N, C-alpha and C. Protein backbone atom coordinates (compact mmCIF):
# COMPACT_ATOMS: atom_id res chain seq x y z
N MET A 1 29.88 -75.31 13.91
CA MET A 1 28.83 -75.44 15.35
C MET A 1 27.65 -75.79 14.79
N ASP A 2 27.08 -76.53 15.69
CA ASP A 2 25.40 -76.09 15.34
C ASP A 2 24.41 -74.96 15.97
N THR A 3 22.85 -75.05 15.18
CA THR A 3 22.70 -73.64 15.00
C THR A 3 22.29 -73.59 16.37
N HIS A 4 22.09 -75.02 17.28
CA HIS A 4 21.67 -74.43 19.07
C HIS A 4 22.58 -73.90 19.82
N CYS A 5 24.70 -74.73 19.28
CA CYS A 5 25.26 -73.85 19.86
C CYS A 5 25.48 -72.48 20.30
N GLN A 6 25.00 -72.07 18.64
CA GLN A 6 25.31 -70.76 18.25
C GLN A 6 24.41 -69.92 18.21
N HIS A 7 23.23 -70.67 18.80
CA HIS A 7 22.09 -69.41 19.91
C HIS A 7 23.02 -69.54 20.78
N SER A 8 22.91 -70.43 21.31
CA SER A 8 23.42 -69.77 23.11
C SER A 8 24.60 -69.41 23.30
N LEU A 9 25.93 -69.19 22.39
CA LEU A 9 26.95 -68.59 22.73
C LEU A 9 25.89 -67.33 22.70
N ARG A 10 25.52 -66.87 21.52
CA ARG A 10 24.68 -65.14 21.14
C ARG A 10 24.14 -65.04 22.63
N GLU A 11 23.09 -65.65 23.27
CA GLU A 11 22.46 -65.76 24.24
C GLU A 11 23.89 -65.27 25.14
N ASN A 12 24.29 -65.89 25.42
CA ASN A 12 25.95 -65.48 26.67
C ASN A 12 26.71 -64.00 26.06
N LYS A 13 26.93 -63.99 25.48
CA LYS A 13 26.78 -62.48 24.99
C LYS A 13 26.04 -61.78 25.30
N SER A 14 25.31 -61.80 24.72
CA SER A 14 24.19 -60.99 24.80
C SER A 14 24.05 -60.65 26.30
N ARG A 15 23.71 -61.49 26.67
CA ARG A 15 23.91 -61.99 28.84
C ARG A 15 24.68 -61.16 29.49
N GLY A 16 25.93 -61.27 29.09
CA GLY A 16 27.54 -60.53 29.59
C GLY A 16 27.09 -59.11 29.31
N LEU A 17 26.98 -58.83 28.18
CA LEU A 17 26.66 -56.82 27.58
C LEU A 17 25.73 -56.56 28.28
N LYS A 18 24.68 -57.38 28.73
CA LYS A 18 23.73 -56.77 30.27
C LYS A 18 24.89 -56.47 31.27
N LEU A 19 25.50 -57.44 31.44
CA LEU A 19 25.40 -58.01 32.81
C LEU A 19 27.02 -56.26 33.70
N LEU A 20 28.35 -55.20 32.21
CA LEU A 20 28.40 -55.30 32.27
C LEU A 20 28.95 -54.33 30.59
N PRO A 21 27.37 -53.68 30.57
CA PRO A 21 27.42 -52.36 29.19
C PRO A 21 28.77 -51.76 28.61
N TYR A 22 28.12 -51.50 28.34
CA TYR A 22 30.23 -50.15 27.51
C TYR A 22 30.13 -49.72 28.34
N PRO A 23 29.86 -48.12 28.82
CA PRO A 23 30.67 -47.45 29.40
C PRO A 23 30.77 -48.14 31.38
N VAL A 24 30.67 -49.02 31.06
CA VAL A 24 31.36 -49.75 32.79
C VAL A 24 31.98 -50.90 32.57
N ARG A 25 32.19 -51.49 30.88
CA ARG A 25 33.54 -52.56 30.38
C ARG A 25 34.73 -51.08 29.92
N GLU A 26 34.05 -49.92 29.14
CA GLU A 26 35.17 -48.84 28.50
C GLU A 26 35.70 -48.40 30.26
N SER A 27 35.36 -48.32 31.24
CA SER A 27 36.25 -47.98 32.40
C SER A 27 36.54 -48.19 33.20
N LEU A 28 36.59 -49.89 32.84
CA LEU A 28 37.77 -50.43 33.39
C LEU A 28 38.57 -50.72 33.11
N PRO A 29 39.78 -50.51 34.66
CA PRO A 29 41.34 -50.09 34.14
C PRO A 29 41.82 -51.97 33.26
N ILE A 30 43.04 -51.80 32.59
CA ILE A 30 43.12 -53.17 31.89
C ILE A 30 43.34 -53.96 32.53
N LEU A 31 44.23 -55.20 31.99
CA LEU A 31 44.39 -56.16 33.53
C LEU A 31 45.69 -55.90 33.51
N GLY A 32 45.64 -56.31 35.62
CA GLY A 32 47.40 -56.26 35.84
C GLY A 32 48.16 -54.80 36.54
N SER A 33 47.24 -53.33 35.51
CA SER A 33 47.04 -52.13 36.14
C SER A 33 47.06 -51.07 37.07
N GLN A 34 46.27 -51.89 38.51
CA GLN A 34 45.70 -51.47 40.37
C GLN A 34 46.21 -52.92 41.05
N GLN A 35 47.60 -53.39 39.93
CA GLN A 35 48.07 -55.22 40.76
C GLN A 35 48.82 -54.00 42.04
N HIS A 36 49.80 -53.32 41.42
CA HIS A 36 50.59 -52.23 42.63
C HIS A 36 49.73 -51.67 43.66
N LEU A 37 48.20 -51.80 44.07
CA LEU A 37 47.30 -51.24 44.46
C LEU A 37 47.31 -51.65 45.00
N HIS A 38 47.00 -53.21 45.91
CA HIS A 38 46.41 -55.04 46.41
C HIS A 38 44.71 -53.99 46.95
N GLY A 39 45.82 -53.59 48.41
CA GLY A 39 43.36 -52.96 48.46
C GLY A 39 42.91 -51.51 48.16
N LYS A 40 44.41 -50.83 47.96
CA LYS A 40 43.69 -49.46 47.56
C LYS A 40 42.81 -49.38 45.54
N ALA A 41 43.39 -51.05 45.19
CA ALA A 41 42.59 -51.70 44.15
C ALA A 41 40.80 -50.36 44.09
N LYS A 42 40.39 -50.36 42.75
CA LYS A 42 39.15 -50.07 43.70
C LYS A 42 38.07 -51.15 42.93
N ALA A 43 37.38 -51.32 43.61
CA ALA A 43 36.18 -51.99 42.40
C ALA A 43 35.13 -51.49 41.55
N ILE A 44 35.12 -51.41 40.79
CA ILE A 44 34.41 -50.57 39.79
C ILE A 44 33.30 -51.01 39.71
N ALA A 45 32.56 -52.53 39.70
CA ALA A 45 31.83 -53.15 39.46
C ALA A 45 31.53 -54.31 40.47
N ARG A 46 30.18 -54.77 40.82
CA ARG A 46 29.44 -55.32 41.55
C ARG A 46 28.91 -56.32 40.93
N CYS A 47 28.73 -57.45 40.67
CA CYS A 47 28.29 -58.12 40.13
C CYS A 47 28.03 -59.31 41.04
N CYS A 48 26.48 -60.46 40.83
CA CYS A 48 25.88 -61.46 42.05
C CYS A 48 25.21 -61.71 41.94
N THR A 49 24.55 -63.39 42.60
CA THR A 49 23.19 -63.78 42.03
C THR A 49 22.24 -62.88 42.94
N THR A 50 21.40 -63.61 42.28
CA THR A 50 20.15 -62.77 43.17
C THR A 50 19.41 -63.24 44.49
N ASP A 51 19.90 -64.91 44.48
CA ASP A 51 19.82 -65.05 45.74
C ASP A 51 21.53 -64.88 47.88
N GLY A 52 21.86 -63.70 46.27
CA GLY A 52 23.59 -63.14 47.27
C GLY A 52 23.99 -64.50 48.22
N ALA A 53 24.33 -65.24 47.02
CA ALA A 53 25.09 -66.75 47.47
C ALA A 53 26.66 -66.41 46.88
N MET A 54 26.87 -65.67 46.10
CA MET A 54 28.77 -65.04 45.29
C MET A 54 27.91 -63.71 44.86
N ALA A 55 29.57 -63.56 45.13
CA ALA A 55 29.80 -62.11 44.43
C ALA A 55 30.60 -61.87 43.76
N TRP A 56 30.44 -60.72 42.31
CA TRP A 56 32.35 -60.46 41.86
C TRP A 56 32.42 -58.84 41.81
N TYR A 57 33.27 -59.23 42.33
CA TYR A 57 34.10 -57.23 43.23
C TYR A 57 35.11 -56.91 42.05
N ILE A 58 34.57 -55.83 40.05
CA ILE A 58 35.36 -56.47 39.32
C ILE A 58 36.63 -55.30 39.54
N THR A 59 37.86 -55.67 39.23
CA THR A 59 38.58 -54.31 39.15
C THR A 59 40.04 -53.72 38.24
N GLU A 60 39.90 -54.71 37.10
CA GLU A 60 40.03 -54.88 35.90
C GLU A 60 39.57 -55.34 35.19
N GLY A 61 39.67 -54.39 33.54
CA GLY A 61 39.72 -56.31 32.74
C GLY A 61 40.15 -55.71 31.32
N SER A 62 39.83 -56.86 30.02
CA SER A 62 40.30 -56.39 29.22
C SER A 62 39.16 -57.53 28.20
N ALA A 63 39.51 -57.48 26.67
CA ALA A 63 38.63 -57.54 25.72
C ALA A 63 39.46 -58.43 24.84
N ARG A 64 39.17 -59.77 24.66
CA ARG A 64 39.65 -61.16 24.40
C ARG A 64 38.69 -60.46 22.80
N ARG A 65 39.77 -59.86 21.58
CA ARG A 65 38.91 -59.94 20.26
C ARG A 65 39.54 -61.87 19.04
N ASP A 66 38.69 -61.49 18.28
CA ASP A 66 38.61 -62.18 17.59
C ASP A 66 40.08 -61.58 16.33
N PRO A 67 39.35 -62.49 15.11
CA PRO A 67 40.63 -61.46 14.13
C PRO A 67 40.76 -60.35 13.44
N ASP A 68 39.49 -60.28 13.44
CA ASP A 68 38.67 -58.86 13.27
C ASP A 68 39.13 -58.05 13.71
N GLY A 69 39.12 -57.91 15.24
CA GLY A 69 39.55 -57.35 16.36
C GLY A 69 37.96 -56.92 16.75
N ASN A 70 36.91 -57.09 16.94
CA ASN A 70 35.73 -57.03 18.12
C ASN A 70 35.84 -58.52 18.56
N ALA A 71 35.16 -57.18 19.75
CA ALA A 71 35.61 -58.08 21.07
C ALA A 71 34.98 -59.04 21.77
N VAL A 72 35.38 -60.68 21.48
CA VAL A 72 34.10 -61.43 21.97
C VAL A 72 33.96 -61.97 23.24
N ASP A 73 34.77 -61.59 24.17
CA ASP A 73 34.37 -61.43 25.83
C ASP A 73 35.22 -61.41 26.14
N TYR A 74 35.21 -61.16 28.10
CA TYR A 74 36.10 -59.80 28.61
C TYR A 74 37.22 -60.50 29.85
N LEU A 75 38.30 -61.15 30.22
CA LEU A 75 38.50 -60.92 31.09
C LEU A 75 38.64 -60.85 31.57
N LEU A 76 37.86 -60.21 32.95
CA LEU A 76 38.07 -60.15 33.96
C LEU A 76 39.39 -60.69 35.76
N TYR A 77 39.06 -59.68 36.33
CA TYR A 77 39.53 -59.65 37.71
C TYR A 77 39.42 -58.49 39.01
N GLY A 78 39.16 -59.02 39.95
CA GLY A 78 38.48 -59.11 41.37
C GLY A 78 39.20 -59.93 42.01
N LEU A 79 37.42 -59.65 43.11
CA LEU A 79 37.51 -59.95 44.22
C LEU A 79 36.13 -61.42 44.35
N VAL A 80 36.53 -63.04 44.43
CA VAL A 80 35.59 -63.68 43.90
C VAL A 80 34.93 -63.59 45.05
N GLU A 81 33.61 -64.21 45.78
CA GLU A 81 33.25 -63.98 47.59
C GLU A 81 32.01 -65.04 46.69
N ASP A 82 32.29 -66.25 47.93
CA ASP A 82 31.42 -67.25 47.36
C ASP A 82 31.12 -67.94 48.39
N GLN A 83 31.75 -69.66 49.69
CA GLN A 83 32.02 -69.65 50.76
C GLN A 83 33.99 -68.93 51.26
N HIS A 84 34.20 -67.75 50.17
CA HIS A 84 36.31 -67.56 50.88
C HIS A 84 35.69 -66.22 49.65
N ARG A 85 37.57 -65.85 50.71
CA ARG A 85 36.21 -64.83 49.80
C ARG A 85 38.27 -64.64 49.10
N GLN A 86 38.26 -64.50 47.61
CA GLN A 86 39.71 -64.37 46.89
C GLN A 86 40.05 -63.56 45.98
N LEU A 87 41.02 -63.08 45.45
CA LEU A 87 41.02 -62.69 44.36
C LEU A 87 41.27 -64.07 42.88
N ASP A 88 41.02 -62.84 41.86
CA ASP A 88 41.25 -64.20 41.06
C ASP A 88 40.96 -63.81 39.91
N TYR A 89 40.67 -64.80 38.83
CA TYR A 89 39.83 -63.81 37.09
C TYR A 89 38.92 -64.55 36.73
N PHE A 90 38.48 -64.33 36.29
CA PHE A 90 36.62 -64.71 35.21
C PHE A 90 36.40 -63.91 34.01
N TRP A 91 36.14 -64.97 33.08
CA TRP A 91 35.58 -64.69 32.13
C TRP A 91 34.07 -63.73 32.06
N LEU A 92 33.57 -63.35 31.17
CA LEU A 92 32.45 -62.09 31.52
C LEU A 92 31.04 -63.01 30.97
N SER A 93 32.21 -64.24 29.75
CA SER A 93 30.77 -65.09 29.28
C SER A 93 30.66 -65.76 30.94
N ASP A 94 31.46 -66.02 31.93
CA ASP A 94 31.07 -67.66 32.40
C ASP A 94 30.17 -66.71 33.74
N LEU A 95 30.42 -65.63 33.91
CA LEU A 95 29.42 -64.72 34.68
C LEU A 95 28.28 -65.12 34.21
N ALA A 96 27.60 -64.55 32.95
CA ALA A 96 26.42 -64.52 32.33
C ALA A 96 26.07 -66.62 32.22
N SER A 97 26.52 -67.78 31.99
CA SER A 97 25.62 -68.31 32.84
C SER A 97 25.89 -69.13 33.86
N LEU A 98 26.40 -68.69 34.60
CA LEU A 98 26.77 -69.04 35.99
C LEU A 98 25.63 -68.99 36.55
N ARG A 99 25.00 -70.04 37.94
CA ARG A 99 23.76 -70.63 38.09
C ARG A 99 24.99 -70.96 39.60
N SER A 100 23.07 -69.68 40.47
CA SER A 100 24.26 -70.41 41.95
C SER A 100 24.23 -72.10 42.13
N PRO A 101 24.60 -72.35 43.76
CA PRO A 101 23.55 -73.55 43.83
C PRO A 101 22.01 -73.34 43.94
N THR A 102 22.22 -72.43 44.23
CA THR A 102 19.89 -72.99 44.21
C THR A 102 19.28 -72.03 42.93
N GLY A 103 20.36 -72.16 42.38
CA GLY A 103 19.80 -71.82 40.15
C GLY A 103 19.82 -70.45 40.03
N ALA A 104 20.65 -69.75 41.10
CA ALA A 104 20.02 -68.44 40.89
C ALA A 104 21.03 -67.73 39.78
N SER A 105 20.64 -66.54 39.12
CA SER A 105 21.71 -66.31 37.61
C SER A 105 22.04 -65.05 38.99
N VAL A 106 22.86 -64.64 37.57
CA VAL A 106 24.06 -63.01 37.71
C VAL A 106 23.19 -61.98 38.23
N VAL A 107 23.43 -61.44 38.53
CA VAL A 107 22.88 -59.60 37.69
C VAL A 107 23.91 -59.18 37.82
N ARG A 108 24.20 -57.67 37.42
CA ARG A 108 24.67 -56.71 37.93
C ARG A 108 24.30 -55.74 38.95
N ASP A 109 24.43 -55.10 40.68
CA ASP A 109 24.64 -54.55 41.01
C ASP A 109 24.78 -52.60 40.97
N ARG A 110 23.42 -52.41 40.43
CA ARG A 110 22.84 -50.97 39.54
C ARG A 110 24.05 -49.88 40.50
N ARG A 111 23.24 -50.80 41.50
CA ARG A 111 23.50 -49.12 43.36
C ARG A 111 25.10 -49.28 43.11
N TRP A 112 25.93 -50.01 42.62
CA TRP A 112 26.86 -50.41 43.38
C TRP A 112 27.91 -48.57 42.91
N ARG A 113 28.51 -48.88 43.73
CA ARG A 113 29.51 -47.06 43.63
C ARG A 113 31.38 -48.00 44.14
N PRO A 114 31.48 -47.84 43.17
CA PRO A 114 32.72 -48.00 43.13
C PRO A 114 33.98 -47.95 44.75
N LYS A 115 34.66 -48.78 45.22
CA LYS A 115 34.57 -48.80 46.38
C LYS A 115 36.24 -49.68 46.86
N GLY A 116 36.82 -49.32 47.31
CA GLY A 116 38.16 -50.01 47.73
C GLY A 116 38.08 -51.32 47.80
N LEU A 117 39.22 -52.18 47.16
CA LEU A 117 39.17 -53.56 47.08
C LEU A 117 39.30 -53.54 49.13
N GLY A 118 40.48 -53.73 49.55
CA GLY A 118 40.70 -53.23 51.47
C GLY A 118 39.42 -52.78 51.95
N GLU A 119 38.07 -51.41 51.55
CA GLU A 119 36.93 -51.33 52.00
C GLU A 119 36.08 -52.86 52.07
N ILE A 120 36.69 -54.33 50.89
CA ILE A 120 35.51 -54.74 51.55
C ILE A 120 35.39 -56.26 52.13
N ALA A 121 37.23 -56.42 51.92
CA ALA A 121 37.57 -57.38 53.12
C ALA A 121 39.16 -57.09 53.39
N PRO A 122 38.54 -56.83 54.54
CA PRO A 122 40.08 -55.65 54.97
C PRO A 122 41.23 -56.97 55.51
N GLU A 123 40.68 -58.19 55.35
CA GLU A 123 41.07 -58.75 55.96
C GLU A 123 42.82 -59.36 55.26
N LEU A 124 42.05 -59.17 53.76
CA LEU A 124 42.65 -60.15 52.45
C LEU A 124 44.11 -59.24 52.52
N PHE A 125 43.82 -58.47 52.22
CA PHE A 125 44.93 -57.01 52.87
C PHE A 125 45.46 -56.22 53.41
N LYS A 126 45.53 -56.90 54.62
CA LYS A 126 46.07 -56.32 56.32
C LYS A 126 48.11 -56.50 56.12
N THR A 127 48.79 -57.53 55.24
CA THR A 127 49.78 -57.16 55.53
C THR A 127 50.55 -56.04 54.84
N ASN A 128 49.55 -56.21 53.26
CA ASN A 128 49.92 -55.91 52.10
C ASN A 128 49.72 -54.07 52.13
N ASP A 129 48.99 -53.89 52.95
CA ASP A 129 48.30 -52.06 52.86
C ASP A 129 50.27 -52.08 54.42
N ARG A 130 49.75 -53.28 55.01
CA ARG A 130 50.46 -52.38 56.53
C ARG A 130 52.74 -51.79 55.51
N ARG A 131 53.01 -52.44 54.72
CA ARG A 131 54.33 -53.04 53.90
C ARG A 131 54.10 -51.80 53.34
N MET A 132 53.11 -51.31 52.71
CA MET A 132 53.42 -50.28 51.79
C MET A 132 53.43 -49.01 52.42
N GLU A 133 52.73 -49.10 53.65
CA GLU A 133 52.98 -47.74 54.35
C GLU A 133 54.11 -47.20 54.98
N ASP A 134 54.78 -48.45 55.64
CA ASP A 134 55.92 -48.48 55.94
C ASP A 134 57.63 -47.68 54.53
């Protein structure tokens, strides 16, 4: 790998660690642990583009580790909001390098407080939550 690529990877990792600092990453439930909760799953963190065009409400995450056991990236899961709202997986490294259509970068919403996905996007959970209540 050339020096430019290595520098770029280090930059994205550093930016990713700023998006989700250690205390936030450590508080994330592991992938799959909130699946049964549907709309009651908690969004622990929120990242968004500075122009408000896109947002990611992160409910779970797990580290991808190198052979030495060091975390090199994080696979995250949660609500993704752009033209549509959908539940999906995404990589922290992708968030760190992503730009909105207007070129805005992704930042972490530092004022975010955990909230249930059903509060954020009730339309996605109406049928699932009703089944859970029956």
